[in-house]
């Protein structure tokens, strides 16, 4: 991956096995997270999902989840609440 988040010189062809795709997604999310503005309102997990879906720049420019992705963000928030064990947030 290049410093700006674009793919590097070699990009493998999909489909990727879970053993490759899950760690790659984790690395990408870890790359996105520090690029989100710290003062953005809302659940940081939902903001990260929106940035994954669109880009961290668009989330920062919109001051949160851009209008086009709010339905997606609401679904993410619902599933986070649904699948988070009791007593955890």
C-alpha atoms as a PDB file:
ATOM      1  CA  UNK A   1       0.000   0.000   0.000  1.00  0.00           C
ATOM      2  CA  UNK A   2       1.260   3.452  -0.843  1.00  0.00           C
ATOM      3  CA  UNK A   3       1.435   6.210   1.783  1.00  0.00           C
ATOM      4  CA  UNK A   4      -1.820   7.719   0.463  1.00  0.00           C
ATOM      5  CA  UNK A   5      -3.717   4.431   0.844  1.00  0.00           C
ATOM      6  CA  UNK A   6      -3.789   3.527  -2.823  1.00  0.00           C
ATOM      7  CA  UNK A   7      -2.767   0.017  -3.870  1.00  0.00           C
ATOM      8  CA  UNK A   8       0.911  -0.684  -4.287  1.00  0.00           C
ATOM      9  CA  UNK A   9       2.686  -1.765  -7.444  1.00  0.00           C
ATOM     10  CA  UNK A  10       1.398  -5.319  -7.279  1.00  0.00           C
ATOM     11  CA  UNK A  11      -2.206  -6.098  -6.508  1.00  0.00           C
ATOM     12  CA  UNK A  12      -3.217  -9.751  -6.201  1.00  0.00           C
ATOM     13  CA  UNK A  13      -6.299 -10.960  -8.048  1.00  0.00           C
ATOM     14  CA  UNK A  14      -9.436 -11.786  -6.028  1.00  0.00           C
ATOM     15  CA  UNK A  15     -11.003 -13.805  -4.581  1.00  0.00           C
ATOM     16  CA  UNK A  16      -8.722 -13.845  -1.592  1.00  0.00           C
ATOM     17  CA  UNK A  17      -8.796 -16.574   1.023  1.00  0.00           C
ATOM     18  CA  UNK A  18      -9.870 -15.446   4.509  1.00  0.00           C
ATOM     19  CA  UNK A  19      -6.338 -16.014   5.812  1.00  0.00           C
ATOM     20  CA  UNK A  20      -5.184 -13.177   3.550  1.00  0.00           C
ATOM     21  CA  UNK A  21      -8.230 -10.917   3.346  1.00  0.00           C
ATOM     22  CA  UNK A  22      -9.046 -10.611   7.062  1.00  0.00           C
ATOM     23  CA  UNK A  23      -5.546  -9.453   8.117  1.00  0.00           C
ATOM     24  CA  UNK A  24      -5.387  -7.153   5.076  1.00  0.00           C
ATOM     25  CA  UNK A  25      -8.666  -5.512   6.056  1.00  0.00           C
ATOM     26  CA  UNK A  26      -7.408  -5.128   9.617  1.00  0.00           C
ATOM     27  CA  UNK A  27      -4.223  -3.456   8.378  1.00  0.00           C
ATOM     28  CA  UNK A  28      -6.239  -1.106   6.187  1.00  0.00           C
ATOM     29  CA  UNK A  29      -8.590  -0.166   9.050  1.00  0.00           C
ATOM     30  CA  UNK A  30      -5.551   0.485  11.262  1.00  0.00           C
ATOM     31  CA  UNK A  31      -4.176   2.701   8.517  1.00  0.00           C
ATOM     32  CA  UNK A  32      -7.453   4.663   8.208  1.00  0.00           C
ATOM     33  CA  UNK A  33      -8.154   5.147  11.936  1.00  0.00           C
ATOM     34  CA  UNK A  34      -5.431   7.702  12.764  1.00  0.00           C
ATOM     35  CA  UNK A  35      -6.351   9.723   9.681  1.00  0.00           C
ATOM     36  CA  UNK A  36      -9.846  10.494  10.971  1.00  0.00           C
ATOM     37  CA  UNK A  37     -10.089  13.867  12.686  1.00  0.00           C
ATOM     38  CA  UNK A  38     -10.180  13.437  16.456  1.00  0.00           C
ATOM     39  CA  UNK A  39     -13.049  15.891  16.981  1.00  0.00           C
ATOM     40  CA  UNK A  40     -15.599  14.104  14.798  1.00  0.00           C
ATOM     41  CA  UNK A  41     -18.905  13.454  16.582  1.00  0.00           C
ATOM     42  CA  UNK A  42     -20.326   9.966  16.927  1.00  0.00           C
ATOM     43  CA  UNK A  43     -19.176   6.419  17.480  1.00  0.00           C
ATOM     44  CA  UNK A  44     -15.594   6.063  16.253  1.00  0.00           C
ATOM     45  CA  UNK A  45     -16.324   2.513  15.051  1.00  0.00           C
ATOM     46  CA  UNK A  46     -19.138   3.776  12.824  1.00  0.00           C
ATOM     47  CA  UNK A  47     -16.962   6.616  11.532  1.00  0.00           C
ATOM     48  CA  UNK A  48     -14.241   4.101  10.705  1.00  0.00           C
ATOM     49  CA  UNK A  49     -16.736   1.921   8.821  1.00  0.00           C
ATOM     50  CA  UNK A  50     -17.951   4.953   6.870  1.00  0.00           C
ATOM     51  CA  UNK A  51     -14.352   5.897   6.050  1.00  0.00           C
ATOM     52  CA  UNK A  52     -13.747   2.333   4.856  1.00  0.00           C
ATOM     53  CA  UNK A  53     -16.839   2.565   2.669  1.00  0.00           C
ATOM     54  CA  UNK A  54     -16.018   5.979   1.153  1.00  0.00           C
ATOM     55  CA  UNK A  55     -12.710   7.518   2.330  1.00  0.00           C
ATOM     56  CA  UNK A  56     -11.330   9.099   5.459  1.00  0.00           C
ATOM     57  CA  UNK A  57     -11.043  12.400   3.585  1.00  0.00           C
ATOM     58  CA  UNK A  58     -14.760  12.494   2.796  1.00  0.00           C
ATOM     59  CA  UNK A  59     -15.641  11.678   6.409  1.00  0.00           C
ATOM     60  CA  UNK A  60     -13.313  14.442   7.657  1.00  0.00           C
ATOM     61  CA  UNK A  61     -14.627  16.961   5.106  1.00  0.00           C
ATOM     62  CA  UNK A  62     -18.247  16.171   6.028  1.00  0.00           C
ATOM     63  CA  UNK A  63     -17.505  16.505   9.752  1.00  0.00           C
ATOM     64  CA  UNK A  64     -18.816  12.967  10.264  1.00  0.00           C
ATOM     65  CA  UNK A  65     -20.638  10.449   8.125  1.00  0.00           C
ATOM     66  CA  UNK A  66     -21.428  11.988   4.720  1.00  0.00           C
ATOM     67  CA  UNK A  67     -25.171  12.096   3.903  1.00  0.00           C
ATOM     68  CA  UNK A  68     -24.806   9.528   1.117  1.00  0.00           C
ATOM     69  CA  UNK A  69     -23.533   6.942   3.635  1.00  0.00           C
ATOM     70  CA  UNK A  70     -25.826   7.607   6.588  1.00  0.00           C
ATOM     71  CA  UNK A  71     -28.101   4.631   5.877  1.00  0.00           C
ATOM     72  CA  UNK A  72     -25.027   2.414   5.770  1.00  0.00           C
ATOM     73  CA  UNK A  73     -23.736   3.930   9.026  1.00  0.00           C
ATOM     74  CA  UNK A  74     -27.105   3.351  10.706  1.00  0.00           C
ATOM     75  CA  UNK A  75     -26.953  -0.341   9.732  1.00  0.00           C
ATOM     76  CA  UNK A  76     -23.427  -0.586  11.119  1.00  0.00           C
ATOM     77  CA  UNK A  77     -24.534   1.050  14.384  1.00  0.00           C
ATOM     78  CA  UNK A  78     -27.477  -1.351  14.627  1.00  0.00           C
ATOM     79  CA  UNK A  79     -25.288  -4.418  14.114  1.00  0.00           C
ATOM     80  CA  UNK A  80     -22.678  -3.143  16.552  1.00  0.00           C
ATOM     81  CA  UNK A  81     -25.388  -2.851  19.185  1.00  0.00           C
ATOM     82  CA  UNK A  82     -26.910  -6.205  18.203  1.00  0.00           C
ATOM     83  CA  UNK A  83     -23.634  -8.183  18.300  1.00  0.00           C
ATOM     84  CA  UNK A  84     -21.753  -6.453  21.123  1.00  0.00           C
ATOM     85  CA  UNK A  85     -21.855  -8.606  24.264  1.00  0.00           C
ATOM     86  CA  UNK A  86     -23.734  -7.142  27.263  1.00  0.00           C
ATOM     87  CA  UNK A  87     -21.601  -4.833  29.353  1.00  0.00           C
ATOM     88  CA  UNK A  88     -19.254  -3.951  26.484  1.00  0.00           C
ATOM     89  CA  UNK A  89     -19.333  -0.968  24.164  1.00  0.00           C
END
